[in-house]
Each structure stands twice: as structure tokens, then as C-alpha cells.
Protein backbone atom coordinates (compact mmCIF):
# COMPACT_ATOMS: atom_id res chain seq x y z
CA MET A 1 131.47 -16.55 -185.52
CA GLU A 2 127.80 -16.88 -186.50
CA ASP A 3 127.54 -20.24 -184.67
CA ARG A 4 129.00 -18.63 -181.56
CA VAL A 5 126.41 -15.84 -181.70
CA LYS A 6 123.61 -18.40 -182.06
CA GLU A 7 124.96 -20.35 -179.06
CA LEU A 8 125.14 -17.18 -176.97
CA ALA A 9 121.61 -16.17 -177.99
CA SER A 10 120.34 -19.61 -177.07
CA LEU A 11 122.18 -19.46 -173.76
CA LYS A 12 120.72 -16.01 -173.08
CA ALA A 13 117.19 -17.28 -173.76
CA PHE A 14 117.75 -20.24 -171.44
CA LEU A 15 119.09 -17.99 -168.67
CA GLU A 16 116.12 -15.63 -169.02
CA ARG A 17 113.68 -18.58 -168.77
CA ARG A 18 115.55 -19.95 -165.76
CA ILE A 19 115.60 -16.58 -163.97
CA SER A 20 111.89 -16.14 -164.65
CA SER A 21 111.18 -19.63 -163.33
CA LEU A 22 113.23 -19.01 -160.18
CA GLU A 23 111.50 -15.66 -159.62
CA GLU A 24 108.11 -17.39 -159.93
CA GLU A 25 109.22 -20.07 -157.48
CA LEU A 26 110.48 -17.44 -155.02
CA ASN A 27 107.19 -15.54 -155.23
CA ALA A 28 105.23 -18.75 -154.65
CA LEU A 29 107.42 -19.61 -151.64
CA LYS A 30 106.93 -16.13 -150.19
CA THR A 31 103.16 -16.46 -150.66
CA MET A 32 103.14 -19.87 -148.97
CA LEU A 33 105.24 -18.54 -146.09
CA SER A 34 102.83 -15.67 -145.65
CA MET A 35 99.89 -18.11 -145.62
CA VAL A 36 101.62 -20.32 -143.04
CA ASP A 37 102.36 -17.28 -140.86
CA GLU A 38 98.72 -16.22 -141.12
CA VAL A 39 97.43 -19.68 -140.13
CA LEU A 40 99.93 -19.87 -137.28
CA SER A 41 98.95 -16.46 -135.97
CA LYS A 42 95.28 -17.48 -135.93
CA THR A 43 95.81 -20.88 -134.30
CA SER A 44 98.54 -20.09 -131.79
CA PHE A 45 99.07 -17.60 -129.02
CA LYS A 46 102.81 -17.93 -129.58
CA PRO A 47 104.54 -15.68 -132.13
CA ALA A 48 105.34 -17.50 -135.38
CA SER A 49 109.04 -16.75 -134.89
CA THR A 50 109.11 -18.95 -131.78
CA LEU A 51 107.49 -21.79 -133.71
CA ALA A 52 110.09 -21.70 -136.51
CA ALA A 53 112.37 -23.91 -134.42
CA ALA A 54 109.61 -26.54 -134.10
CA PRO A 55 110.38 -30.08 -135.31
CA LYS A 56 110.55 -30.38 -139.07
CA GLU A 57 107.70 -32.89 -139.27
CA THR A 58 105.20 -30.48 -137.71
CA ALA A 59 106.18 -27.51 -139.83
CA VAL A 60 106.21 -29.43 -143.10
CA THR A 61 103.23 -31.70 -142.89
CA MET A 62 100.70 -29.62 -140.97
CA PRO A 63 99.62 -27.34 -143.86
CA GLU A 64 99.15 -30.29 -146.23
CA ARG A 65 96.91 -32.12 -143.78
CA ALA A 66 94.93 -29.00 -142.92
CA GLU A 67 94.25 -27.93 -146.50
CA GLU A 68 93.18 -31.10 -148.26
CA LYS A 69 92.02 -34.63 -147.75
CA PRO A 70 93.80 -37.51 -149.50
CA LEU A 71 92.29 -38.94 -152.66
CA SER A 72 93.07 -42.39 -151.28
CA ILE A 73 95.01 -44.13 -148.52
CA LEU A 74 96.83 -47.31 -149.53
CA PRO A 75 98.36 -49.77 -147.07
CA LEU A 76 101.97 -50.87 -147.49
CA SER A 77 102.18 -54.36 -146.04
CA THR A 78 104.53 -57.34 -146.15
CA ARG A 79 103.47 -60.49 -147.96
CA ASP A 80 102.48 -61.89 -144.56
CA GLY A 81 100.08 -58.99 -144.11
CA GLU A 82 102.07 -57.02 -141.53
CA ARG A 83 101.18 -53.37 -142.07
CA LEU A 84 104.34 -51.27 -142.28
CA ALA A 85 103.00 -47.95 -143.53
CA GLU A 86 100.20 -46.13 -145.29
CA MET A 87 100.53 -44.07 -148.43
CA GLU A 88 98.23 -41.07 -148.64
CA ILE A 89 97.71 -39.96 -152.23
CA TYR A 90 97.02 -36.29 -153.03
CA PRO A 91 96.76 -34.70 -156.48
CA THR A 92 100.31 -33.32 -156.44
CA HIS A 93 102.04 -35.28 -153.70
CA ALA A 94 102.04 -38.46 -151.67
CA VAL A 95 102.86 -39.03 -148.01
CA VAL A 96 104.14 -42.39 -146.78
CA ARG A 97 103.49 -42.53 -143.05
CA LEU A 98 105.23 -45.39 -141.25
CA ILE A 99 103.32 -47.46 -138.72
CA LYS A 100 106.22 -49.71 -137.76
CA PRO A 101 109.32 -47.85 -136.55
CA LEU A 102 112.24 -48.52 -138.89
CA SER A 103 115.65 -46.86 -138.57
CA VAL A 104 116.93 -44.80 -141.48
CA ASN A 105 120.19 -46.73 -141.08
CA ILE A 106 118.70 -50.12 -141.99
CA PRO A 107 119.62 -51.16 -145.55
CA PRO A 108 118.38 -50.78 -148.23
CA PHE A 109 116.78 -47.47 -147.17
CA LYS A 110 119.62 -45.04 -147.90
CA SER A 111 121.62 -47.07 -150.40
CA PHE A 112 118.70 -48.09 -152.61
CA LEU A 113 115.55 -46.08 -151.96
CA VAL A 114 117.10 -42.69 -151.24
CA ASN A 115 120.33 -42.71 -153.27
CA ARG A 116 119.22 -44.68 -156.33
CA ILE A 117 115.47 -44.23 -156.67
CA LEU A 118 114.48 -40.90 -155.11
CA GLU A 119 117.71 -39.04 -155.90
CA GLY A 120 117.71 -40.57 -159.39
CA ARG A 121 114.23 -39.20 -160.14
CA LYS A 122 115.16 -35.86 -158.65
CA ARG A 123 118.28 -35.63 -160.86
CA GLU A 124 116.23 -36.53 -163.96
CA ASP A 125 113.75 -33.76 -163.28
CA GLU A 126 116.51 -31.26 -162.46
CA GLN A 127 117.96 -31.93 -165.91
CA LYS A 128 114.53 -31.32 -167.44
CA VAL A 129 114.26 -28.03 -165.53
CA ILE A 130 117.73 -26.96 -166.67
CA SER A 131 116.93 -27.80 -170.30
CA GLY A 132 113.61 -25.95 -170.08
CA GLU A 133 111.47 -29.09 -170.58
CA LYS A 134 109.80 -28.74 -167.19
CA PRO A 135 109.06 -25.81 -164.86
CA ARG A 136 110.81 -25.89 -161.46
CA GLU A 137 107.50 -26.08 -159.56
CA GLU A 138 106.62 -29.34 -161.35
CA ALA A 139 109.94 -31.08 -160.64
CA PHE A 140 110.07 -34.24 -158.53
CA GLU A 141 111.03 -33.61 -154.91
CA TYR A 142 111.06 -35.68 -151.77
CA GLU A 143 111.64 -35.26 -148.09
CA ILE A 144 112.44 -37.83 -145.42
CA ILE A 145 111.13 -36.91 -141.98
CA GLU A 146 112.60 -38.74 -139.01
CA ASP A 147 111.21 -39.04 -135.52
CA GLY A 148 113.40 -38.12 -132.56
CA GLU A 149 114.94 -41.61 -132.44
CA GLY A 150 116.31 -41.85 -135.98
CA ASN A 151 113.37 -43.77 -137.40
CA VAL A 152 111.63 -42.91 -140.63
CA HIS A 153 108.41 -41.09 -139.72
CA GLU A 154 107.25 -39.92 -143.15
CA ILE A 155 108.39 -39.82 -146.74
CA ILE A 156 106.85 -36.91 -148.63
CA ILE A 157 106.97 -37.15 -152.40
CA ARG A 158 106.03 -34.05 -154.39
CA ASN A 159 105.26 -34.00 -158.12
CA TYR A 160 105.34 -37.77 -158.44
CA GLY A 161 104.14 -37.65 -162.06
CA SER A 162 101.76 -40.16 -163.61
CA GLU A 163 99.70 -42.86 -161.93
CA ASP A 164 102.14 -45.43 -163.32
CA SER A 165 105.04 -43.57 -161.75
CA LEU A 166 103.22 -43.43 -158.42
CA ARG A 167 102.35 -47.13 -158.62
CA GLU A 168 106.02 -47.94 -159.27
CA LEU A 169 107.14 -45.76 -156.35
CA ARG A 170 104.61 -47.48 -154.07
CA ARG A 171 105.89 -50.91 -155.12
CA ILE A 172 109.53 -49.90 -154.57
CA ILE A 173 108.82 -48.31 -151.19
CA ARG A 174 106.83 -51.34 -150.03
CA TRP A 175 109.69 -53.65 -151.10
CA THR A 176 112.25 -51.44 -149.30
CA LEU A 177 110.23 -51.28 -146.08
CA THR A 178 109.68 -55.04 -146.18
CA LYS A 179 113.43 -55.67 -146.50
CA MET A 180 114.10 -53.22 -143.66
CA ALA A 181 111.54 -54.96 -141.41
CA GLU A 182 113.11 -58.34 -142.18
CA ARG A 183 116.59 -57.08 -141.28
CA GLN A 184 115.33 -55.41 -138.13
CA ALA A 185 113.69 -58.67 -137.01
CA ARG A 186 116.98 -60.58 -137.23
């Protein structure tokens, strides 16, 4: 019975931490939404509600570009020197902006990069959040933004972790884009 009480107390403490973390995240999201609405109201004669249906790429990437400049911009090129994309590095996120149009349906984009690498890192961090090892706002996240024709436009990676982790992600993304370009050329 005493073990059961300890388990329940531990579970209660975990749930309280999780609720607190989610409340903090919700408050931060509300603050960011308010800031976006304020910027939109100052820069547009249209009501913010009419802009909510704007393409995802505009709504997501505009605040990041407006608020800060990248620490560095790294090219992602094939071994032959063909420039496929650029990776903009920021303190808490990175943006891979494609130069060469590549369809999201070209392997190994979904099967390898998205499903194995990006989703794998996301799952790892979700487990750390659940176990209380990491706050939700520091968990790895990513977003794939497509253009209107089904091509990858941007890959936004938030909370990438260490420089080594970012270097590995850059290498994997460059390899993936190179393989996609090769398949597209066939």
C-alpha cells in the first residue's frame, strides 16, 4: 500500500509540473499572438482576422525574419557545387531555405528526413518533456513549409540543441537534398 501511495504522489507531482509547463506555454503563445496582431495592425490596413487565412509560410516566417538577423548563413550544396539551399542559423532555431525546387514527394525526403530524423528527434524530446527532464518550450520542433506547387520551400527547426546536433542536422539535410536533386534529374 505504501508503494502505491508513493507512486500516486510521484504521479501527482509529475502532473502538476506538466500542467504548469503547459500553462506557461499557453501564456507564451498568447503573448506571441498578441505581438503578431500588434505588428500586423501597424503594418497593414487589413484587419488581422483577414490575414489569418494567409499562406502558412508568410504567417510563420515573417516574425522571425523581422525580429532578428541570422548568426550565420551556410550554403547546402552538392559535391559538384550546385547550391540547393541555405541554412540560416539563429540562437534558438534554424531555417533551411531551398533555392532549387524539390518536391516533398521525392525520396528520401519523407521516408528518411521527416519520418526517421526529424520525427525521431521530436519523439526523443517529447519523452524528455513527459519525464520532466526538459521544459516544453525547449523541446525540438520542426515545420516543413511547401510552396503552392508541392515543393519544399523552407524547413524550420526550433530548439536544435548543441552545435554538434546542428552540424549533424545540416549534414543530413544536405545529403537528403542532394539525393532528391539526383532523383529529380533522372
